[in-house]
Amino acid sequence: AGVVLSGNTLYGTTWYGGTYDHGTLFSVATNGSTSGILHAFYTPSYTPYANNYDGLFPSARLIYSGGTLYGTAENGGSYGGGAVFSVITNQPGSFSILHYFSTPVNGTNGDGAYSFAGLVLSGTNLYGTTFGGGTYGNGTVFAVSTNGLFFTNLYSFTGGNDGSGPHGGLTLSVNTLYGTTPAGGTSTTGTLFAINTDGSGFTSLYSFTGGSDGGDPKSDLVLSGNTLYEIGRAHV
């Protein structure tokens, strides 16, 4: 994942390594003069899933707001489905879990599982996607409050024309979230979708064909005016 800048400090994640070999949250000054580890993710037990307190393998860009970093771990946690977490930048011991994703049973659950994507913040709510889980086992769009007291599954992908298995994060414009899926759609090679922050109005905006328009989109969208861009892939 990329890094996020606050003042003269960059913050980021490593997917592996650290004290317990399962990833870290780190900081480094922009001039390289100082660096530190804000959190090292713990070694899990396997009973039968990879379970631990804090999650495993953070693979997405962090977001920063008011001195706090927010992010996702793609695996681990109390139920093995990953986690949403926060940490205060000047308090390395402040790592906190906002939500544990539940274990999928036969691939499905109520909240989603395995978030590979970063988060987007609107007010006091964070929005993100999961690759798996949900009602149909094809991933979800979710919301969680910054204090962890509120969580909702906004949408469960069916694996049909709406898409399947989102890898990328969401892009917010006013009250609308935009994102992509690398599978599903009319040609089974991915979709571009929109959904309101309250979970209403889900719309499949475009289905990639896998031809000249590209396919299998996995990165975040960039919004400029009324146009969305998929970096390194198709422009729609």
Protein backbone atom coordinates (compact mmCIF):
# COMPACT_ATOMS: atom_id res chain seq x y z
CA ALA A 1 0.00 0.00 0.00
CA GLY A 2 0.92 3.63 -0.35
CA VAL A 3 1.61 5.97 2.55
CA VAL A 4 -0.37 8.85 4.03
CA LEU A 5 1.21 12.21 4.91
CA SER A 6 0.54 14.31 8.01
CA GLY A 7 2.81 17.29 8.53
CA ASN A 8 6.35 16.00 8.07
CA THR A 9 5.53 12.38 8.83
CA LEU A 10 4.54 9.52 6.55
CA TYR A 11 2.46 6.62 7.86
CA GLY A 12 2.03 3.24 6.23
CA THR A 13 1.68 -0.51 6.54
CA THR A 14 3.79 -3.54 5.80
CA TRP A 15 2.05 -6.74 4.84
CA TYR A 16 4.64 -8.92 6.55
CA GLY A 17 7.54 -8.64 8.98
CA GLY A 18 7.64 -6.90 12.33
CA THR A 19 8.11 -8.48 15.73
CA TYR A 20 5.64 -11.28 15.00
CA ASP A 21 6.10 -11.53 11.22
CA HIS A 22 2.49 -10.61 10.39
CA GLY A 23 2.74 -6.96 9.43
CA THR A 24 3.24 -3.53 10.97
CA LEU A 25 2.03 0.04 11.11
CA PHE A 26 4.99 2.40 10.80
CA SER A 27 5.93 6.07 10.69
CA VAL A 28 8.89 7.76 9.04
CA ALA A 29 9.88 11.42 8.79
CA THR A 30 9.84 12.84 5.26
CA ASN A 31 13.57 13.52 5.53
CA GLY A 32 14.26 10.03 6.85
CA SER A 33 15.65 11.29 10.14
CA THR A 34 13.29 9.33 12.39
CA SER A 35 11.08 6.27 12.10
CA GLY A 36 9.10 4.00 14.35
CA ILE A 37 6.65 1.14 14.67
CA LEU A 38 3.18 2.09 15.87
CA HIS A 39 1.97 -1.49 16.02
CA ALA A 40 3.15 -5.00 15.16
CA PHE A 41 0.42 -7.53 14.38
CA TYR A 42 0.42 -10.62 16.56
CA THR A 43 1.03 -14.24 15.64
CA PRO A 44 -2.32 -16.04 15.33
CA SER A 45 -3.52 -19.36 16.62
CA TYR A 46 -5.06 -21.71 14.09
CA THR A 47 -8.24 -23.12 15.65
CA PRO A 48 -9.16 -23.75 12.81
CA TYR A 49 -8.93 -20.20 11.43
CA ALA A 50 -6.12 -17.68 11.83
CA ASN A 51 -7.41 -15.99 15.00
CA ASN A 52 -5.73 -13.25 17.00
CA TYR A 53 -6.51 -9.98 18.74
CA ASP A 54 -5.57 -7.44 16.11
CA GLY A 55 -5.75 -8.98 12.62
CA LEU A 56 -3.15 -10.06 10.07
CA PHE A 57 -1.52 -8.70 6.94
CA PRO A 58 -2.65 -5.06 6.57
CA SER A 59 -2.50 -4.49 2.82
CA ALA A 60 -4.29 -1.16 2.28
CA ARG A 61 -3.44 2.51 2.58
CA LEU A 62 -4.24 4.08 5.95
CA ILE A 63 -6.34 7.20 6.31
CA TYR A 64 -5.56 10.00 8.77
CA SER A 65 -8.00 12.23 10.60
CA GLY A 66 -7.45 14.39 13.67
CA GLY A 67 -4.38 12.58 14.90
CA THR A 68 -5.81 9.08 14.36
CA LEU A 69 -5.04 6.50 11.68
CA TYR A 70 -7.69 4.07 10.45
CA GLY A 71 -7.13 0.91 8.45
CA THR A 72 -8.03 -2.70 7.73
CA ALA A 73 -6.37 -6.07 8.24
CA GLU A 74 -7.26 -8.59 5.58
CA ASN A 75 -7.26 -11.64 7.84
CA GLY A 76 -7.11 -12.69 11.46
CA GLY A 77 -8.98 -11.05 14.30
CA SER A 78 -11.18 -12.83 16.82
CA TYR A 79 -13.11 -14.67 14.11
CA GLY A 80 -10.54 -14.99 11.33
CA GLY A 81 -12.32 -12.68 8.88
CA GLY A 82 -10.12 -9.62 9.36
CA ALA A 83 -10.62 -6.36 11.21
CA VAL A 84 -11.03 -2.60 11.07
CA PHE A 85 -8.68 -0.77 13.45
CA SER A 86 -7.51 2.64 14.64
CA VAL A 87 -4.37 3.97 16.32
CA ILE A 88 -3.52 7.43 17.64
CA THR A 89 -0.30 8.56 15.99
CA ASN A 90 1.36 9.95 19.12
CA GLN A 91 0.23 7.03 21.30
CA PRO A 92 1.65 3.81 19.83
CA GLY A 93 -0.07 1.72 22.53
CA SER A 94 -3.48 3.06 21.57
CA PHE A 95 -4.21 0.45 18.89
CA SER A 96 -7.92 -0.36 18.98
CA ILE A 97 -10.30 -2.65 17.11
CA LEU A 98 -13.41 -1.02 15.63
CA HIS A 99 -14.87 -4.18 14.12
CA TYR A 100 -14.03 -7.86 13.78
CA PHE A 101 -15.40 -9.49 10.63
CA SER A 102 -17.11 -12.76 11.42
CA THR A 103 -16.12 -16.17 10.11
CA PRO A 104 -17.89 -17.01 6.83
CA VAL A 105 -19.89 -20.24 7.03
CA ASN A 106 -19.94 -21.91 3.62
CA GLY A 107 -18.56 -18.61 2.33
CA THR A 108 -21.35 -16.41 3.71
CA ASN A 109 -21.94 -14.25 6.78
CA GLY A 110 -23.72 -11.09 7.81
CA ASP A 111 -20.95 -8.52 7.65
CA GLY A 112 -18.36 -9.57 5.05
CA ALA A 113 -14.82 -10.84 5.41
CA TYR A 114 -11.28 -10.23 4.15
CA SER A 115 -10.96 -6.52 3.49
CA PHE A 116 -8.10 -5.85 1.08
CA ALA A 117 -9.08 -2.20 0.69
CA GLY A 118 -8.55 1.04 2.54
CA LEU A 119 -11.26 3.17 4.06
CA VAL A 120 -12.90 6.49 3.27
CA LEU A 121 -14.17 8.84 5.99
CA SER A 122 -17.34 10.94 5.96
CA GLY A 123 -18.27 12.65 9.20
CA THR A 124 -17.91 10.05 11.92
CA ASN A 125 -18.34 7.04 9.65
CA LEU A 126 -15.77 4.97 7.79
CA TYR A 127 -16.73 3.15 4.59
CA GLY A 128 -15.01 0.17 2.99
CA THR A 129 -15.34 -3.10 1.10
CA THR A 130 -14.68 -6.76 1.79
CA PHE A 131 -13.58 -9.31 -0.77
CA GLY A 132 -15.62 -12.19 0.67
CA GLY A 133 -18.48 -12.97 2.96
CA GLY A 134 -21.81 -11.21 2.97
CA THR A 135 -25.20 -12.74 2.18
CA TYR A 136 -24.01 -14.35 -1.06
CA GLY A 137 -20.32 -14.86 -0.33
CA ASN A 138 -19.19 -12.30 -2.91
CA GLY A 139 -18.17 -9.42 -0.67
CA THR A 140 -19.78 -6.35 0.84
CA VAL A 141 -19.81 -2.59 1.17
CA PHE A 142 -19.84 -1.64 4.86
CA ALA A 143 -19.91 1.33 7.23
CA VAL A 144 -18.43 1.54 10.72
CA SER A 145 -18.32 4.50 13.09
CA THR A 146 -14.96 5.87 14.17
CA ASN A 147 -15.69 4.87 17.77
CA GLY A 148 -16.61 1.32 16.73
CA LEU A 149 -20.10 1.46 18.26
CA PHE A 150 -21.93 1.26 14.94
CA PHE A 151 -21.47 -1.18 12.04
CA THR A 152 -23.72 -1.95 9.10
CA ASN A 153 -23.49 -4.06 5.97
CA LEU A 154 -24.69 -1.61 3.32
CA TYR A 155 -24.68 -4.06 0.42
CA SER A 156 -23.90 -7.71 -0.31
CA PHE A 157 -22.70 -8.47 -3.84
CA THR A 158 -24.56 -11.30 -5.54
CA GLY A 159 -21.83 -12.28 -8.01
CA GLY A 160 -24.13 -11.42 -10.92
CA ASN A 161 -24.38 -8.19 -12.88
CA ASP A 162 -23.62 -6.16 -9.76
CA GLY A 163 -20.10 -7.60 -9.44
CA SER A 164 -18.13 -9.79 -7.08
CA GLY A 165 -15.14 -9.66 -4.75
CA PRO A 166 -14.17 -5.97 -4.50
CA HIS A 167 -10.45 -5.44 -3.93
CA GLY A 168 -10.25 -1.67 -4.24
CA GLY A 169 -11.42 0.99 -1.84
CA LEU A 170 -14.27 3.43 -2.25
CA THR A 171 -14.30 6.99 -3.58
CA LEU A 172 -16.73 9.43 -1.96
CA SER A 173 -18.56 12.30 -3.65
CA VAL A 174 -21.10 14.10 -1.44
CA ASN A 175 -23.27 11.16 -0.30
CA THR A 176 -22.34 8.68 -3.02
CA LEU A 177 -19.67 5.99 -2.85
CA TYR A 178 -18.04 4.68 -6.03
CA GLY A 179 -16.02 1.50 -6.37
CA THR A 180 -15.06 -1.45 -8.56
CA THR A 181 -15.18 -5.22 -8.50
CA PRO A 182 -12.70 -7.44 -10.38
CA ALA A 183 -15.29 -10.12 -11.16
CA GLY A 184 -18.98 -10.36 -11.97
CA GLY A 185 -20.82 -8.04 -14.32
CA THR A 186 -22.33 -8.92 -17.67
CA SER A 187 -18.99 -10.19 -19.00
CA THR A 188 -17.74 -11.59 -15.66
CA THR A 189 -14.65 -9.33 -15.84
CA GLY A 190 -15.64 -6.69 -13.33
CA THR A 191 -17.86 -3.72 -12.70
CA LEU A 192 -17.96 -0.07 -11.70
CA PHE A 193 -20.68 0.65 -9.13
CA ALA A 194 -22.23 3.42 -7.07
CA ILE A 195 -24.12 3.28 -3.76
CA ASN A 196 -25.39 5.93 -1.37
CA THR A 197 -23.80 6.19 2.07
CA ASP A 198 -27.06 5.03 3.67
CA GLY A 199 -26.99 1.82 1.60
CA SER A 200 -29.72 2.86 -0.81
CA GLY A 201 -29.58 3.29 -4.57
CA PHE A 202 -27.02 0.65 -5.54
CA THR A 203 -26.30 1.02 -9.27
CA SER A 204 -24.02 -0.94 -11.57
CA LEU A 205 -22.62 1.86 -13.72
CA TYR A 206 -20.51 -0.22 -16.08
CA SER A 207 -19.48 -3.81 -16.80
CA PHE A 208 -15.96 -4.30 -18.15
CA THR A 209 -15.73 -6.61 -21.15
CA GLY A 210 -12.11 -7.64 -20.81
CA GLY A 211 -11.40 -6.19 -24.27
CA SER A 212 -10.22 -2.71 -25.17
CA ASP A 213 -11.88 -1.27 -22.06
CA GLY A 214 -9.89 -3.53 -19.73
CA GLY A 215 -11.06 -5.85 -17.01
CA ASP A 216 -10.39 -7.13 -13.50
CA PRO A 217 -10.15 -3.66 -11.85
CA LYS A 218 -8.59 -3.83 -8.38
CA SER A 219 -7.41 -0.31 -7.53
CA ASP A 220 -9.16 2.77 -6.16
CA LEU A 221 -10.97 5.21 -8.42
CA VAL A 222 -10.03 8.88 -8.78
CA LEU A 223 -12.82 11.44 -9.21
CA SER A 224 -12.32 14.64 -11.20
CA GLY A 225 -15.43 16.69 -11.87
CA ASN A 226 -18.00 14.24 -13.19
CA THR A 227 -15.48 11.66 -14.42
CA LEU A 228 -14.11 8.63 -12.62
CA TYR A 229 -10.69 7.25 -13.52
CA GLU A 230 -9.27 3.83 -12.78
CA ILE A 231 -5.54 4.35 -12.46
CA GLY A 232 -3.53 2.16 -14.86
CA ARG A 233 -6.67 0.61 -16.29
CA ALA A 234 -9.81 1.83 -18.03
CA HIS A 235 -11.36 5.30 -18.06
CA VAL A 236 -15.16 5.38 -18.10
